[in-house]
Amino acid sequence: MATDDAYAGGRLRARPSGTGGGAPVGLRLLGGGGYLYVPAGYRAGRPAPLALLLHGAGEDARDGLALLRGQADGAGLILLSLSSRGPTWDLILGRGRYGTDVVAIDEALDHAFSSYAVDPARVAVGGYSDGASYAISLGISNGDLFGHVLAFSPGFMAPAGRVGSPRFFVSHGTRDRWLPIDRTSRRLVPELQGASYEVRYREFDGPHVVPPPIAHEAVDWFTGS
């Protein structure tokens, strides 16, 4: 395993080739409590989109998987969901420094890319709450890998650098008491737009959740663009 120091800048090394084997479809349990879900319609000769999903604080990979599990089959979408090594992601616990989580993410992505045919133009990172903050930060630092970022109710962003030009889907509830919208997305979105990123932003009347219509729109936006 690579050392944490090698990933301190948050840069991921795994890359999809667009080709891959015919590994089994369905749900697979990965080491460290992660999950890889491959839709029944997957075909090795037809590269599929893939979304890396990151859960909120105090949750685990099952919660991350649930964010888009209902949309995966209809969209032909491969899902990769991991559990953070601590109660939340290393960037948050480490006060802006990446560590063991980004190492595990890179290894899991490398496994998925070598096992399945993934479309290099349709790789996304997404997350909810703390996972959304981590997704935005990783996405900005790895825009040459992630063409799309799906951020559901993010709190902040702390990228270690800027590479590429990913596109963003951001959603937030106007009645969110955990991460109030005025202190989070209503500030983050203008910052992203001011940095010349393309952003689709959706506010909804609700609390700190991901409503099914929002999840559907996010997947349609990602897979259809």
Protein backbone atom coordinates (compact mmCIF):
# COMPACT_ATOMS: atom_id res chain seq x y z
CA MET A 1 0.00 0.00 0.00
CA ALA A 2 1.20 3.50 -0.77
CA THR A 3 2.02 5.82 2.11
CA ASP A 4 -0.29 8.61 3.22
CA ASP A 5 2.43 11.17 2.44
CA ALA A 6 2.35 10.18 -1.23
CA TYR A 7 -1.29 11.29 -1.32
CA ALA A 8 -1.04 14.41 0.85
CA GLY A 9 -1.98 16.57 -2.13
CA GLY A 10 -5.15 14.60 -2.78
CA ARG A 11 -4.05 13.48 -6.25
CA LEU A 12 -5.43 10.15 -7.45
CA ARG A 13 -3.44 7.93 -9.82
CA ALA A 14 -6.01 5.35 -10.96
CA ARG A 15 -7.30 5.86 -14.49
CA PRO A 16 -9.87 3.97 -16.57
CA SER A 17 -8.69 2.50 -19.85
CA GLY A 18 -12.16 2.16 -21.35
CA THR A 19 -11.66 -1.60 -21.57
CA GLY A 20 -12.15 -4.27 -18.95
CA GLY A 21 -13.17 -7.81 -18.24
CA GLY A 22 -16.56 -9.35 -17.77
CA ALA A 23 -16.42 -9.54 -13.99
CA PRO A 24 -19.72 -10.44 -12.26
CA VAL A 25 -22.62 -7.99 -12.19
CA GLY A 26 -24.61 -7.17 -9.07
CA LEU A 27 -23.41 -6.14 -5.62
CA ARG A 28 -19.88 -6.99 -4.46
CA LEU A 29 -18.46 -6.44 -0.98
CA LEU A 30 -14.97 -4.96 -1.02
CA GLY A 31 -12.29 -4.92 1.62
CA GLY A 32 -12.72 -2.28 4.30
CA GLY A 33 -16.50 -2.47 4.13
CA GLY A 34 -16.86 -0.91 0.69
CA TYR A 35 -19.29 -1.86 -2.06
CA LEU A 36 -19.13 -2.10 -5.83
CA TYR A 37 -22.45 -2.30 -7.65
CA VAL A 38 -22.53 -3.23 -11.34
CA PRO A 39 -25.92 -3.01 -13.10
CA ALA A 40 -27.38 -6.08 -14.79
CA GLY A 41 -27.16 -4.43 -18.20
CA TYR A 42 -23.37 -4.00 -18.02
CA ARG A 43 -21.49 -5.29 -21.07
CA ALA A 44 -17.70 -5.42 -21.33
CA GLY A 45 -17.81 -4.11 -24.88
CA ARG A 46 -19.79 -1.03 -23.92
CA PRO A 47 -17.91 1.18 -21.40
CA ALA A 48 -20.19 2.29 -18.56
CA PRO A 49 -20.30 5.44 -16.43
CA LEU A 50 -19.02 5.11 -12.86
CA ALA A 51 -19.75 7.19 -9.76
CA LEU A 52 -17.63 7.11 -6.61
CA LEU A 53 -19.96 7.81 -3.67
CA LEU A 54 -18.95 9.26 -0.29
CA HIS A 55 -21.18 9.09 2.79
CA GLY A 56 -21.91 11.68 5.46
CA ALA A 57 -20.34 11.90 8.93
CA GLY A 58 -21.16 8.94 11.16
CA GLU A 59 -22.40 6.88 8.21
CA ASP A 60 -20.74 4.16 6.15
CA ALA A 61 -20.54 2.73 2.64
CA ARG A 62 -24.09 1.36 2.78
CA ASP A 63 -25.41 4.89 3.19
CA GLY A 64 -23.22 6.15 0.37
CA LEU A 65 -24.45 3.39 -1.93
CA ALA A 66 -28.07 4.23 -1.10
CA LEU A 67 -27.66 7.75 -2.50
CA LEU A 68 -27.95 6.56 -6.11
CA ARG A 69 -28.68 2.82 -5.84
CA GLY A 70 -32.24 3.30 -7.09
CA GLN A 71 -31.04 4.96 -10.29
CA ALA A 72 -28.11 2.68 -11.16
CA ASP A 73 -29.86 0.02 -13.23
CA GLY A 74 -31.92 2.41 -15.33
CA ALA A 75 -28.84 4.54 -16.07
CA GLY A 76 -26.42 1.64 -16.57
CA LEU A 77 -24.33 3.20 -13.82
CA ILE A 78 -21.55 1.45 -11.89
CA LEU A 79 -21.40 2.57 -8.25
CA LEU A 80 -18.37 2.44 -5.97
CA SER A 81 -18.98 3.30 -2.31
CA LEU A 82 -16.39 3.24 0.46
CA SER A 83 -16.40 3.77 4.22
CA SER A 84 -14.17 6.41 5.76
CA ARG A 85 -11.49 5.07 8.11
CA GLY A 86 -12.66 7.37 10.89
CA PRO A 87 -16.03 8.88 11.86
CA THR A 88 -15.73 11.10 8.78
CA TRP A 89 -13.28 11.71 5.93
CA ASP A 90 -9.56 12.36 6.45
CA LEU A 91 -9.65 15.86 4.92
CA ILE A 92 -12.11 16.95 7.61
CA LEU A 93 -10.47 15.15 10.52
CA GLY A 94 -7.02 16.20 9.38
CA ARG A 95 -7.92 19.88 9.03
CA GLY A 96 -7.33 20.08 5.32
CA ARG A 97 -4.86 17.22 4.90
CA TYR A 98 -5.54 14.01 2.99
CA GLY A 99 -4.52 10.64 4.43
CA THR A 100 -5.67 7.04 4.61
CA ASP A 101 -9.04 7.64 2.95
CA VAL A 102 -7.65 8.98 -0.30
CA VAL A 103 -5.19 6.05 -0.42
CA ALA A 104 -8.09 3.58 -0.07
CA ILE A 105 -10.13 5.46 -2.70
CA ASP A 106 -7.30 5.26 -5.22
CA GLU A 107 -6.85 1.52 -4.66
CA ALA A 108 -10.59 0.86 -4.96
CA LEU A 109 -10.83 2.90 -8.16
CA ASP A 110 -7.88 1.02 -9.62
CA HIS A 111 -9.63 -2.28 -8.82
CA ALA A 112 -12.88 -1.13 -10.44
CA PHE A 113 -11.13 0.20 -13.54
CA SER A 114 -9.18 -3.02 -14.05
CA SER A 115 -12.24 -5.25 -13.51
CA TYR A 116 -14.81 -3.40 -15.64
CA ALA A 117 -14.96 -1.29 -18.79
CA VAL A 118 -15.47 2.26 -17.52
CA ASP A 119 -16.01 5.22 -19.84
CA PRO A 120 -13.12 7.66 -19.16
CA ALA A 121 -15.38 10.59 -20.09
CA ARG A 122 -18.04 9.62 -17.55
CA VAL A 123 -16.39 9.20 -14.15
CA ALA A 124 -17.98 11.14 -11.29
CA VAL A 125 -17.36 11.65 -7.60
CA GLY A 126 -20.39 12.35 -5.44
CA GLY A 127 -21.35 12.56 -1.83
CA TYR A 128 -23.71 13.76 0.85
CA SER A 129 -22.98 16.23 3.66
CA ASP A 130 -19.33 15.71 4.72
CA GLY A 131 -19.04 13.37 1.75
CA ALA A 132 -20.21 16.18 -0.54
CA SER A 133 -17.56 18.51 0.86
CA TYR A 134 -14.96 15.81 0.24
CA ALA A 135 -16.33 15.17 -3.27
CA ILE A 136 -16.04 18.84 -4.25
CA SER A 137 -12.50 19.03 -2.87
CA LEU A 138 -11.37 15.81 -4.58
CA GLY A 139 -13.13 16.80 -7.79
CA ILE A 140 -11.35 20.12 -8.09
CA SER A 141 -7.98 18.49 -7.40
CA ASN A 142 -8.66 15.62 -9.81
CA GLY A 143 -10.62 17.19 -12.64
CA ASP A 144 -8.57 15.17 -15.12
CA LEU A 145 -10.22 12.02 -13.70
CA PHE A 146 -13.62 13.24 -12.51
CA GLY A 147 -15.51 15.07 -15.22
CA HIS A 148 -18.53 15.47 -12.94
CA VAL A 149 -19.07 16.17 -9.24
CA LEU A 150 -22.39 15.46 -7.48
CA ALA A 151 -22.58 17.36 -4.20
CA PHE A 152 -25.70 16.85 -2.06
CA SER A 153 -25.86 19.35 0.85
CA PRO A 154 -22.14 20.20 1.07
CA GLY A 155 -20.60 22.24 3.87
CA PHE A 156 -17.30 23.54 2.45
CA MET A 157 -14.52 22.87 0.00
CA ALA A 158 -10.77 22.61 0.60
CA PRO A 159 -9.03 21.44 -2.59
CA ALA A 160 -5.28 20.95 -2.42
CA GLY A 161 -4.94 22.18 -5.99
CA ARG A 162 -6.85 22.67 -9.21
CA VAL A 163 -6.60 20.32 -12.18
CA GLY A 164 -8.98 20.15 -15.14
CA SER A 165 -12.50 21.55 -15.43
CA PRO A 166 -15.10 19.25 -13.84
CA ARG A 167 -18.79 20.14 -13.96
CA PHE A 168 -20.81 20.38 -10.75
CA PHE A 169 -24.29 19.42 -9.62
CA VAL A 170 -25.06 20.92 -6.20
CA SER A 171 -28.29 20.56 -4.22
CA HIS A 172 -29.33 21.85 -0.81
CA GLY A 173 -32.48 22.06 1.30
CA THR A 174 -33.67 25.50 2.31
CA ARG A 175 -34.66 24.13 5.74
CA ASP A 176 -31.34 22.41 6.43
CA ARG A 177 -30.51 22.98 10.11
CA TRP A 178 -27.39 20.78 10.11
CA LEU A 179 -25.57 22.70 7.37
CA PRO A 180 -27.62 25.89 6.89
CA ILE A 181 -27.84 26.83 3.23
CA ASP A 182 -26.90 30.50 3.69
CA ARG A 183 -23.54 29.49 5.20
CA THR A 184 -22.80 26.69 2.77
CA SER A 185 -24.15 26.17 -0.77
CA ARG A 186 -25.24 29.78 -1.27
CA ARG A 187 -21.61 30.70 -0.74
CA LEU A 188 -19.96 27.70 -2.40
CA VAL A 189 -21.87 27.87 -5.67
CA PRO A 190 -20.93 31.50 -6.47
CA GLU A 191 -17.31 30.66 -5.62
CA LEU A 192 -17.35 27.75 -8.05
CA GLN A 193 -19.00 29.86 -10.74
CA GLY A 194 -16.53 32.66 -10.11
CA ALA A 195 -13.73 30.16 -10.76
CA SER A 196 -15.31 29.46 -14.19
CA TYR A 197 -16.78 26.07 -13.30
CA GLU A 198 -20.10 25.03 -14.84
CA VAL A 199 -22.62 24.45 -12.03
CA ARG A 200 -26.17 23.17 -11.98
CA TYR A 201 -27.63 24.25 -8.65
CA ARG A 202 -30.88 23.02 -7.12
CA GLU A 203 -32.45 24.33 -3.94
CA PHE A 204 -35.46 22.44 -2.57
CA ASP A 205 -37.91 22.95 0.26
CA GLY A 206 -36.63 20.44 2.78
CA PRO A 207 -34.09 19.56 5.50
CA HIS A 208 -30.67 17.83 5.36
CA VAL A 209 -31.67 15.06 2.93
CA VAL A 210 -31.38 13.93 -0.70
CA PRO A 211 -34.93 13.76 -2.11
CA PRO A 212 -35.45 11.07 -4.80
CA PRO A 213 -36.27 13.64 -7.54
CA ILE A 214 -32.96 15.39 -6.83
CA ALA A 215 -31.05 12.09 -7.06
CA HIS A 216 -32.81 11.29 -10.35
CA GLU A 217 -31.95 14.68 -11.81
CA ALA A 218 -28.33 14.37 -10.74
CA VAL A 219 -27.94 10.98 -12.42
CA ASP A 220 -29.69 12.16 -15.60
CA TRP A 221 -27.42 15.22 -15.68
CA PHE A 222 -24.31 13.09 -15.24
CA THR A 223 -25.07 10.20 -17.56
CA GLY A 224 -26.71 12.31 -20.24
CA SER A 225 -24.03 14.95 -20.56
